[in-house]
Amino acid sequence: MSSANPLFSFENPDDSPGFLLWQATNLWQRELKKALARFDLTHAQFVVLAAAYWLSQQREPVTQVALAAHAHIDKMMASKILRLLEGRGLVTRVSQQHDTRANAVTLTATGTRTVVQAAWAVEEFEAGFFGSVPTLQGQLQILLAAQGG
């Protein structure tokens, strides 16, 4: 520990994995925002569209609750995002007859086209961004699993 600054156990900020992760996350978010800008999507909107697409391909029921669980986001956040996406004509939501609280979510043709093109752009971006760090994905998966994420 540095005697000049006993508050921190690191000699300099770049010795802190948390600080480095924070910097890398901010950089990744800024660059991802640029990759999604041409589709007029935020990252959260893309994640919800991608979750809807993924679940529909798995023949899973696509409901707001299932989307929120799949995307690991709050149900209210999912509802707000879906309302916005519905307003833009990217998804439709229909109340289920057996449970009026459950909305079935369906991608429109425009929504499907948008999420497919955006997914290609995200894949290309991530291949370039993370391509030089081949073990990062495995390390992040281990970290999240260990922390219950």
C-alpha atoms as a PDB file:
ATOM      1  CA  MET A   1       0.000   0.000   0.000  1.00  0.00           C
ATOM      2  CA  SER A   2       1.281   3.434  -0.875  1.00  0.00           C
ATOM      3  CA  SER A   3       2.145   5.496   2.198  1.00  0.00           C
ATOM      4  CA  ALA A   4       1.341   8.695   0.256  1.00  0.00           C
ATOM      5  CA  ASN A   5      -2.297   7.682  -0.107  1.00  0.00           C
ATOM      6  CA  PRO A   6      -3.338   4.948   2.340  1.00  0.00           C
ATOM      7  CA  LEU A   7      -6.971   5.031   1.140  1.00  0.00           C
ATOM      8  CA  PHE A   8      -6.217   2.870  -1.917  1.00  0.00           C
ATOM      9  CA  SER A   9      -4.371  -0.430  -2.023  1.00  0.00           C
ATOM     10  CA  PHE A  10      -3.172   0.193  -5.594  1.00  0.00           C
ATOM     11  CA  GLU A  11      -0.120   2.207  -6.534  1.00  0.00           C
ATOM     12  CA  ASN A  12      -1.958   3.785  -9.469  1.00  0.00           C
ATOM     13  CA  PRO A  13      -5.552   3.661 -10.742  1.00  0.00           C
ATOM     14  CA  ASP A  14      -4.741   1.364 -13.670  1.00  0.00           C
ATOM     15  CA  ASP A  15      -3.750  -1.351 -11.171  1.00  0.00           C
ATOM     16  CA  SER A  16      -7.412  -1.618 -10.079  1.00  0.00           C
ATOM     17  CA  PRO A  17      -9.385  -4.254 -12.047  1.00  0.00           C
ATOM     18  CA  GLY A  18     -12.646  -2.503 -11.159  1.00  0.00           C
ATOM     19  CA  PHE A  19     -11.429   0.830 -12.475  1.00  0.00           C
ATOM     20  CA  LEU A  20     -10.163  -0.814 -15.658  1.00  0.00           C
ATOM     21  CA  LEU A  21     -13.470  -2.648 -16.113  1.00  0.00           C
ATOM     22  CA  TRP A  22     -15.345   0.622 -15.614  1.00  0.00           C
ATOM     23  CA  GLN A  23     -13.206   2.343 -18.259  1.00  0.00           C
ATOM     24  CA  ALA A  24     -13.559  -0.570 -20.699  1.00  0.00           C
ATOM     25  CA  THR A  25     -17.326  -0.701 -20.125  1.00  0.00           C
ATOM     26  CA  ASN A  26     -17.680   3.015 -20.803  1.00  0.00           C
ATOM     27  CA  LEU A  27     -15.613   2.711 -23.983  1.00  0.00           C
ATOM     28  CA  TRP A  28     -17.608  -0.331 -25.110  1.00  0.00           C
ATOM     29  CA  GLN A  29     -20.912   1.478 -24.444  1.00  0.00           C
ATOM     30  CA  ARG A  30     -19.815   4.589 -26.370  1.00  0.00           C
ATOM     31  CA  GLU A  31     -18.698   2.557 -29.375  1.00  0.00           C
ATOM     32  CA  LEU A  32     -21.755   0.285 -29.288  1.00  0.00           C
ATOM     33  CA  LYS A  33     -23.974   3.359 -29.228  1.00  0.00           C
ATOM     34  CA  LYS A  34     -22.304   4.455 -32.468  1.00  0.00           C
ATOM     35  CA  ALA A  35     -22.855   1.010 -34.038  1.00  0.00           C
ATOM     36  CA  LEU A  36     -26.570   1.126 -33.166  1.00  0.00           C
ATOM     37  CA  ALA A  37     -27.131   4.779 -34.097  1.00  0.00           C
ATOM     38  CA  ARG A  38     -27.889   4.034 -37.748  1.00  0.00           C
ATOM     39  CA  PHE A  39     -30.786   1.839 -36.592  1.00  0.00           C
ATOM     40  CA  ASP A  40     -32.045   4.531 -34.194  1.00  0.00           C
ATOM     41  CA  LEU A  41     -31.804   2.031 -31.327  1.00  0.00           C
ATOM     42  CA  THR A  42     -30.415   2.309 -27.838  1.00  0.00           C
ATOM     43  CA  HIS A  43     -28.577  -0.688 -26.468  1.00  0.00           C
ATOM     44  CA  ALA A  44     -31.508  -1.539 -24.191  1.00  0.00           C
ATOM     45  CA  GLN A  45     -33.917  -1.392 -27.142  1.00  0.00           C
ATOM     46  CA  PHE A  46     -31.640  -3.636 -29.171  1.00  0.00           C
ATOM     47  CA  VAL A  47     -31.417  -6.143 -26.306  1.00  0.00           C
ATOM     48  CA  VAL A  48     -35.210  -6.322 -26.011  1.00  0.00           C
ATOM     49  CA  LEU A  49     -35.642  -6.747 -29.780  1.00  0.00           C
ATOM     50  CA  ALA A  50     -32.899  -9.383 -29.861  1.00  0.00           C
ATOM     51  CA  ALA A  51     -34.496 -11.209 -26.909  1.00  0.00           C
ATOM     52  CA  ALA A  52     -37.857 -11.209 -28.708  1.00  0.00           C
ATOM     53  CA  TYR A  53     -36.221 -12.563 -31.838  1.00  0.00           C
ATOM     54  CA  TRP A  54     -34.234 -15.207 -29.917  1.00  0.00           C
ATOM     55  CA  LEU A  55     -37.220 -16.438 -27.916  1.00  0.00           C
ATOM     56  CA  SER A  56     -39.388 -16.635 -31.026  1.00  0.00           C
ATOM     57  CA  GLN A  57     -36.706 -18.724 -32.773  1.00  0.00           C
ATOM     58  CA  GLN A  58     -36.591 -21.081 -29.773  1.00  0.00           C
ATOM     59  CA  ARG A  59     -40.363 -21.505 -29.972  1.00  0.00           C
ATOM     60  CA  GLU A  60     -40.609 -20.052 -26.475  1.00  0.00           C
ATOM     61  CA  PRO A  61     -43.646 -17.972 -25.501  1.00  0.00           C
ATOM     62  CA  VAL A  62     -42.658 -14.368 -26.085  1.00  0.00           C
ATOM     63  CA  THR A  63     -44.211 -12.379 -23.276  1.00  0.00           C
ATOM     64  CA  GLN A  64     -43.043  -9.232 -21.532  1.00  0.00           C
ATOM     65  CA  VAL A  65     -42.143 -11.315 -18.472  1.00  0.00           C
ATOM     66  CA  ALA A  66     -40.156 -13.811 -20.558  1.00  0.00           C
ATOM     67  CA  LEU A  67     -38.357 -10.959 -22.350  1.00  0.00           C
ATOM     68  CA  ALA A  68     -37.447  -9.272 -19.076  1.00  0.00           C
ATOM     69  CA  ALA A  69     -36.123 -12.534 -17.643  1.00  0.00           C
ATOM     70  CA  HIS A  70     -34.181 -13.394 -20.801  1.00  0.00           C
ATOM     71  CA  ALA A  71     -32.655  -9.909 -21.036  1.00  0.00           C
ATOM     72  CA  HIS A  72     -32.018  -9.705 -17.265  1.00  0.00           C
ATOM     73  CA  ILE A  73     -33.885  -6.414 -16.982  1.00  0.00           C
ATOM     74  CA  ASP A  74     -36.651  -5.186 -14.725  1.00  0.00           C
ATOM     75  CA  LYS A  75     -40.217  -5.961 -15.885  1.00  0.00           C
ATOM     76  CA  MET A  76     -41.162  -2.277 -15.774  1.00  0.00           C
ATOM     77  CA  MET A  77     -38.135  -1.359 -17.888  1.00  0.00           C
ATOM     78  CA  ALA A  78     -39.090  -4.044 -20.401  1.00  0.00           C
ATOM     79  CA  SER A  79     -42.631  -2.674 -20.526  1.00  0.00           C
ATOM     80  CA  LYS A  80     -41.421   0.888 -21.140  1.00  0.00           C
ATOM     81  CA  ILE A  81     -39.037  -0.214 -23.879  1.00  0.00           C
ATOM     82  CA  LEU A  82     -41.710  -2.365 -25.526  1.00  0.00           C
ATOM     83  CA  ARG A  83     -44.178   0.526 -25.461  1.00  0.00           C
ATOM     84  CA  LEU A  84     -41.625   2.680 -27.284  1.00  0.00           C
ATOM     85  CA  LEU A  85     -40.799  -0.078 -29.780  1.00  0.00           C
ATOM     86  CA  GLU A  86     -44.492  -0.655 -30.366  1.00  0.00           C
ATOM     87  CA  GLY A  87     -44.951   3.050 -31.058  1.00  0.00           C
ATOM     88  CA  ARG A  88     -42.210   2.818 -33.673  1.00  0.00           C
ATOM     89  CA  GLY A  89     -43.898  -0.149 -35.343  1.00  0.00           C
ATOM     90  CA  LEU A  90     -41.163  -2.658 -34.442  1.00  0.00           C
ATOM     91  CA  VAL A  91     -43.273  -4.904 -32.194  1.00  0.00           C
ATOM     92  CA  THR A  92     -46.893  -5.608 -31.404  1.00  0.00           C
ATOM     93  CA  ARG A  93     -48.267  -6.495 -27.990  1.00  0.00           C
ATOM     94  CA  VAL A  94     -51.510  -8.380 -27.512  1.00  0.00           C
ATOM     95  CA  SER A  95     -53.105  -9.231 -24.156  1.00  0.00           C
ATOM     96  CA  GLN A  96     -53.450 -12.952 -23.543  1.00  0.00           C
ATOM     97  CA  GLN A  97     -57.013 -14.196 -23.070  1.00  0.00           C
ATOM     98  CA  HIS A  98     -56.052 -16.472 -20.176  1.00  0.00           C
ATOM     99  CA  ASP A  99     -54.101 -13.717 -18.357  1.00  0.00           C
ATOM    100  CA  THR A 100     -54.803 -10.090 -19.226  1.00  0.00           C
ATOM    101  CA  ARG A 101     -51.616  -9.052 -17.378  1.00  0.00           C
ATOM    102  CA  ALA A 102     -49.491 -11.044 -19.833  1.00  0.00           C
ATOM    103  CA  ASN A 103     -48.814  -9.479 -23.214  1.00  0.00           C
ATOM    104  CA  ALA A 104     -47.697 -11.610 -26.137  1.00  0.00           C
ATOM    105  CA  VAL A 105     -44.949  -9.781 -28.009  1.00  0.00           C
ATOM    106  CA  THR A 106     -44.395 -10.214 -31.728  1.00  0.00           C
ATOM    107  CA  LEU A 107     -41.817  -8.585 -33.944  1.00  0.00           C
ATOM    108  CA  THR A 108     -43.269  -6.838 -36.966  1.00  0.00           C
ATOM    109  CA  ALA A 109     -41.641  -7.305 -40.371  1.00  0.00           C
ATOM    110  CA  THR A 110     -39.876  -3.969 -39.848  1.00  0.00           C
ATOM    111  CA  GLY A 111     -38.837  -5.047 -36.349  1.00  0.00           C
ATOM    112  CA  THR A 112     -37.429  -8.320 -37.640  1.00  0.00           C
ATOM    113  CA  ARG A 113     -35.507  -6.596 -40.420  1.00  0.00           C
ATOM    114  CA  THR A 114     -34.179  -3.991 -37.967  1.00  0.00           C
ATOM    115  CA  VAL A 115     -33.036  -6.487 -35.325  1.00  0.00           C
ATOM    116  CA  VAL A 116     -31.362  -8.736 -37.905  1.00  0.00           C
ATOM    117  CA  GLN A 117     -29.419  -5.839 -39.433  1.00  0.00           C
ATOM    118  CA  ALA A 118     -28.590  -4.399 -35.999  1.00  0.00           C
ATOM    119  CA  ALA A 119     -27.419  -7.828 -34.776  1.00  0.00           C
ATOM    120  CA  TRP A 120     -25.045  -8.085 -37.723  1.00  0.00           C
ATOM    121  CA  ALA A 121     -23.684  -4.630 -36.886  1.00  0.00           C
ATOM    122  CA  VAL A 122     -23.301  -5.525 -33.202  1.00  0.00           C
ATOM    123  CA  GLU A 123     -21.559  -8.817 -34.040  1.00  0.00           C
ATOM    124  CA  GLU A 124     -19.157  -7.005 -36.352  1.00  0.00           C
ATOM    125  CA  PHE A 125     -18.499  -4.317 -33.751  1.00  0.00           C
ATOM    126  CA  GLU A 126     -17.909  -6.834 -30.954  1.00  0.00           C
ATOM    127  CA  ALA A 127     -15.611  -8.978 -33.097  1.00  0.00           C
ATOM    128  CA  GLY A 128     -13.439  -5.933 -33.664  1.00  0.00           C
ATOM    129  CA  PHE A 129     -13.695  -4.612 -30.123  1.00  0.00           C
ATOM    130  CA  PHE A 130     -13.093  -7.892 -28.270  1.00  0.00           C
ATOM    131  CA  GLY A 131     -11.256  -9.831 -30.979  1.00  0.00           C
ATOM    132  CA  SER A 132      -7.834  -9.142 -29.538  1.00  0.00           C
ATOM    133  CA  VAL A 133      -8.859 -10.505 -26.115  1.00  0.00           C
ATOM    134  CA  PRO A 134      -9.904 -14.139 -26.765  1.00  0.00           C
ATOM    135  CA  THR A 135     -10.134 -15.204 -23.116  1.00  0.00           C
ATOM    136  CA  LEU A 136     -12.243 -12.259 -21.949  1.00  0.00           C
ATOM    137  CA  GLN A 137     -15.607 -13.909 -22.633  1.00  0.00           C
ATOM    138  CA  GLY A 138     -14.730 -16.979 -20.578  1.00  0.00           C
ATOM    139  CA  GLN A 139     -13.400 -14.866 -17.745  1.00  0.00           C
ATOM    140  CA  LEU A 140     -16.548 -12.727 -17.681  1.00  0.00           C
ATOM    141  CA  GLN A 141     -18.750 -15.844 -17.682  1.00  0.00           C
ATOM    142  CA  ILE A 142     -16.813 -17.261 -14.716  1.00  0.00           C
ATOM    143  CA  LEU A 143     -17.071 -13.941 -12.859  1.00  0.00           C
ATOM    144  CA  LEU A 144     -20.815 -13.625 -13.464  1.00  0.00           C
ATOM    145  CA  ALA A 145     -21.482 -17.244 -12.506  1.00  0.00           C
ATOM    146  CA  ALA A 146     -19.473 -16.863  -9.299  1.00  0.00           C
ATOM    147  CA  GLN A 147     -21.439 -13.734  -8.379  1.00  0.00           C
ATOM    148  CA  GLY A 148     -24.830 -15.217  -9.217  1.00  0.00           C
ATOM    149  CA  GLY A 149     -25.268 -13.063 -12.345  1.00  0.00           C
END
